[in-house]
Amino acid sequence: MHNVRERQILPALNRCVLCHKAEDDHAKVDHKYARDSRIPEWHGWHGCRRELGSNLNKLGVDDSVIQRILRHSNIARRRFTSRRLPPMCAGDDETRK
């Protein structure tokens, strides 16, 4: 999982706002690296799972399907997790503007 994060996820999320190159590929450019704040930051695998569950719920996917995808033992656990998320994690469009 560490390799996936380092080789795929972080380079895709850490892009320059001016040239859109990954931070690691930014050495041969004539300007200073500035991260594009429009791209979300990585908050770890737990955050990824929580966001996945919230997005599936927002899209109207059945609770039992989300439960199987996230491998929760019961639906109540998934419902509890989605209810206690802060608005930004739950996919509230107003907080992302």
C-alpha atoms as a PDB file:
ATOM      1  CA  MET A   1       0.000   0.000   0.000  1.00  0.00           C
ATOM      2  CA  HIS A   2       2.920   2.324   0.673  1.00  0.00           C
ATOM      3  CA  ASN A   3       4.101   1.924  -2.943  1.00  0.00           C
ATOM      4  CA  VAL A   4       0.647   2.735  -4.333  1.00  0.00           C
ATOM      5  CA  ARG A   5       0.526   5.890  -2.251  1.00  0.00           C
ATOM      6  CA  GLU A   6       4.051   7.025  -3.156  1.00  0.00           C
ATOM      7  CA  ARG A   7       4.017   6.104  -6.853  1.00  0.00           C
ATOM      8  CA  GLN A   8       0.423   6.787  -7.877  1.00  0.00           C
ATOM      9  CA  ILE A   9      -1.670   8.784  -5.406  1.00  0.00           C
ATOM     10  CA  LEU A  10       0.676  11.493  -4.128  1.00  0.00           C
ATOM     11  CA  PRO A  11       2.151  12.389  -7.548  1.00  0.00           C
ATOM     12  CA  ALA A  12      -1.385  12.746  -8.924  1.00  0.00           C
ATOM     13  CA  LEU A  13      -2.486  14.985  -6.038  1.00  0.00           C
ATOM     14  CA  ASN A  14       0.655  17.115  -5.612  1.00  0.00           C
ATOM     15  CA  ARG A  15       0.711  19.134  -8.832  1.00  0.00           C
ATOM     16  CA  CYS A  16       2.080  22.596  -9.540  1.00  0.00           C
ATOM     17  CA  VAL A  17      -0.564  25.283  -9.984  1.00  0.00           C
ATOM     18  CA  LEU A  18       1.352  26.862 -12.905  1.00  0.00           C
ATOM     19  CA  CYS A  19       2.693  23.972 -15.009  1.00  0.00           C
ATOM     20  CA  HIS A  20       0.632  21.042 -13.607  1.00  0.00           C
ATOM     21  CA  LYS A  21       3.754  18.887 -13.182  1.00  0.00           C
ATOM     22  CA  ALA A  22       4.184  16.563 -10.221  1.00  0.00           C
ATOM     23  CA  GLU A  23       6.315  17.883  -7.371  1.00  0.00           C
ATOM     24  CA  ASP A  24       9.037  15.283  -8.065  1.00  0.00           C
ATOM     25  CA  ASP A  25       9.208  16.264 -11.766  1.00  0.00           C
ATOM     26  CA  HIS A  26       9.456  19.976 -11.022  1.00  0.00           C
ATOM     27  CA  ALA A  27      13.266  20.313 -10.801  1.00  0.00           C
ATOM     28  CA  LYS A  28      13.845  21.455 -14.411  1.00  0.00           C
ATOM     29  CA  VAL A  29      11.229  24.215 -14.448  1.00  0.00           C
ATOM     30  CA  ASP A  30      11.962  27.952 -14.346  1.00  0.00           C
ATOM     31  CA  HIS A  31       9.549  28.793 -11.513  1.00  0.00           C
ATOM     32  CA  LYS A  32       9.131  27.827  -7.865  1.00  0.00           C
ATOM     33  CA  TYR A  33       6.790  24.924  -7.062  1.00  0.00           C
ATOM     34  CA  ALA A  34       3.384  25.961  -5.713  1.00  0.00           C
ATOM     35  CA  ARG A  35       0.861  23.218  -4.961  1.00  0.00           C
ATOM     36  CA  ASP A  36      -2.491  23.496  -6.751  1.00  0.00           C
ATOM     37  CA  SER A  37      -4.986  24.035  -3.915  1.00  0.00           C
ATOM     38  CA  ARG A  38      -7.921  23.011  -6.142  1.00  0.00           C
ATOM     39  CA  ILE A  39      -6.764  19.383  -5.892  1.00  0.00           C
ATOM     40  CA  PRO A  40      -7.728  17.730  -2.587  1.00  0.00           C
ATOM     41  CA  GLU A  41      -5.023  16.743  -0.104  1.00  0.00           C
ATOM     42  CA  TRP A  42      -4.338  13.114   0.811  1.00  0.00           C
ATOM     43  CA  HIS A  43      -5.646  12.244   4.293  1.00  0.00           C
ATOM     44  CA  GLY A  44      -4.655   8.579   4.386  1.00  0.00           C
ATOM     45  CA  TRP A  45      -6.385   5.316   3.624  1.00  0.00           C
ATOM     46  CA  HIS A  46      -8.954   5.750   6.412  1.00  0.00           C
ATOM     47  CA  GLY A  47     -10.009   9.086   4.955  1.00  0.00           C
ATOM     48  CA  CYS A  48     -10.209   7.479   1.529  1.00  0.00           C
ATOM     49  CA  ARG A  49     -12.580   4.775   2.837  1.00  0.00           C
ATOM     50  CA  ARG A  50     -14.744   7.316   4.620  1.00  0.00           C
ATOM     51  CA  GLU A  51     -14.982   9.510   1.531  1.00  0.00           C
ATOM     52  CA  LEU A  52     -15.782   6.483  -0.643  1.00  0.00           C
ATOM     53  CA  GLY A  53     -18.656   5.478   1.649  1.00  0.00           C
ATOM     54  CA  SER A  54     -19.991   9.024   1.750  1.00  0.00           C
ATOM     55  CA  ASN A  55     -19.780   9.464  -2.021  1.00  0.00           C
ATOM     56  CA  LEU A  56     -21.526   6.156  -2.677  1.00  0.00           C
ATOM     57  CA  ASN A  57     -24.261   7.149  -0.227  1.00  0.00           C
ATOM     58  CA  LYS A  58     -24.623  10.554  -1.894  1.00  0.00           C
ATOM     59  CA  LEU A  59     -24.947   8.830  -5.287  1.00  0.00           C
ATOM     60  CA  GLY A  60     -27.833   6.751  -3.940  1.00  0.00           C
ATOM     61  CA  VAL A  61     -26.086   3.380  -3.731  1.00  0.00           C
ATOM     62  CA  ASP A  62     -27.974   0.948  -1.488  1.00  0.00           C
ATOM     63  CA  ASP A  63     -26.645   0.642   2.081  1.00  0.00           C
ATOM     64  CA  SER A  64     -26.148  -3.124   1.767  1.00  0.00           C
ATOM     65  CA  VAL A  65     -23.925  -2.615  -1.305  1.00  0.00           C
ATOM     66  CA  ILE A  66     -21.834   0.024   0.493  1.00  0.00           C
ATOM     67  CA  GLN A  67     -21.556  -2.335   3.454  1.00  0.00           C
ATOM     68  CA  ARG A  68     -20.134  -5.071   1.225  1.00  0.00           C
ATOM     69  CA  ILE A  69     -17.728  -2.716  -0.559  1.00  0.00           C
ATOM     70  CA  LEU A  70     -16.337  -1.373   2.742  1.00  0.00           C
ATOM     71  CA  ARG A  71     -16.472  -4.859   4.308  1.00  0.00           C
ATOM     72  CA  HIS A  72     -18.407  -3.683   7.373  1.00  0.00           C
ATOM     73  CA  SER A  73     -19.956  -6.362   9.527  1.00  0.00           C
ATOM     74  CA  ASN A  74     -23.329  -4.616   9.707  1.00  0.00           C
ATOM     75  CA  ILE A  75     -25.185  -1.735   8.057  1.00  0.00           C
ATOM     76  CA  ALA A  76     -25.554   0.191  11.324  1.00  0.00           C
ATOM     77  CA  ARG A  77     -21.768   0.689  11.457  1.00  0.00           C
ATOM     78  CA  ARG A  78     -21.719   2.284   7.992  1.00  0.00           C
ATOM     79  CA  ARG A  79     -24.728   4.490   8.759  1.00  0.00           C
ATOM     80  CA  PHE A  80     -23.100   5.646  12.017  1.00  0.00           C
ATOM     81  CA  THR A  81     -19.849   6.483  10.213  1.00  0.00           C
ATOM     82  CA  SER A  82     -21.584   8.537   7.509  1.00  0.00           C
ATOM     83  CA  ARG A  83     -23.677  10.514  10.014  1.00  0.00           C
ATOM     84  CA  ARG A  84     -20.721  11.647  12.112  1.00  0.00           C
ATOM     85  CA  LEU A  85     -18.578  12.947   9.229  1.00  0.00           C
ATOM     86  CA  PRO A  86     -17.859  16.668   9.115  1.00  0.00           C
ATOM     87  CA  PRO A  87     -19.627  18.433   6.207  1.00  0.00           C
ATOM     88  CA  MET A  88     -16.518  18.573   3.997  1.00  0.00           C
ATOM     89  CA  CYS A  89     -15.972  14.812   4.250  1.00  0.00           C
ATOM     90  CA  ALA A  90     -19.645  14.063   3.734  1.00  0.00           C
ATOM     91  CA  GLY A  91     -19.536  15.759   0.350  1.00  0.00           C
ATOM     92  CA  ASP A  92     -21.342  18.999   1.197  1.00  0.00           C
ATOM     93  CA  ASP A  93     -20.747  21.136  -1.917  1.00  0.00           C
ATOM     94  CA  GLU A  94     -21.156  24.401  -0.004  1.00  0.00           C
ATOM     95  CA  THR A  95     -18.078  23.721   2.173  1.00  0.00           C
ATOM     96  CA  ARG A  96     -15.874  22.914  -0.842  1.00  0.00           C
ATOM     97  CA  LYS A  97     -16.264  26.286  -2.579  1.00  0.00           C
END
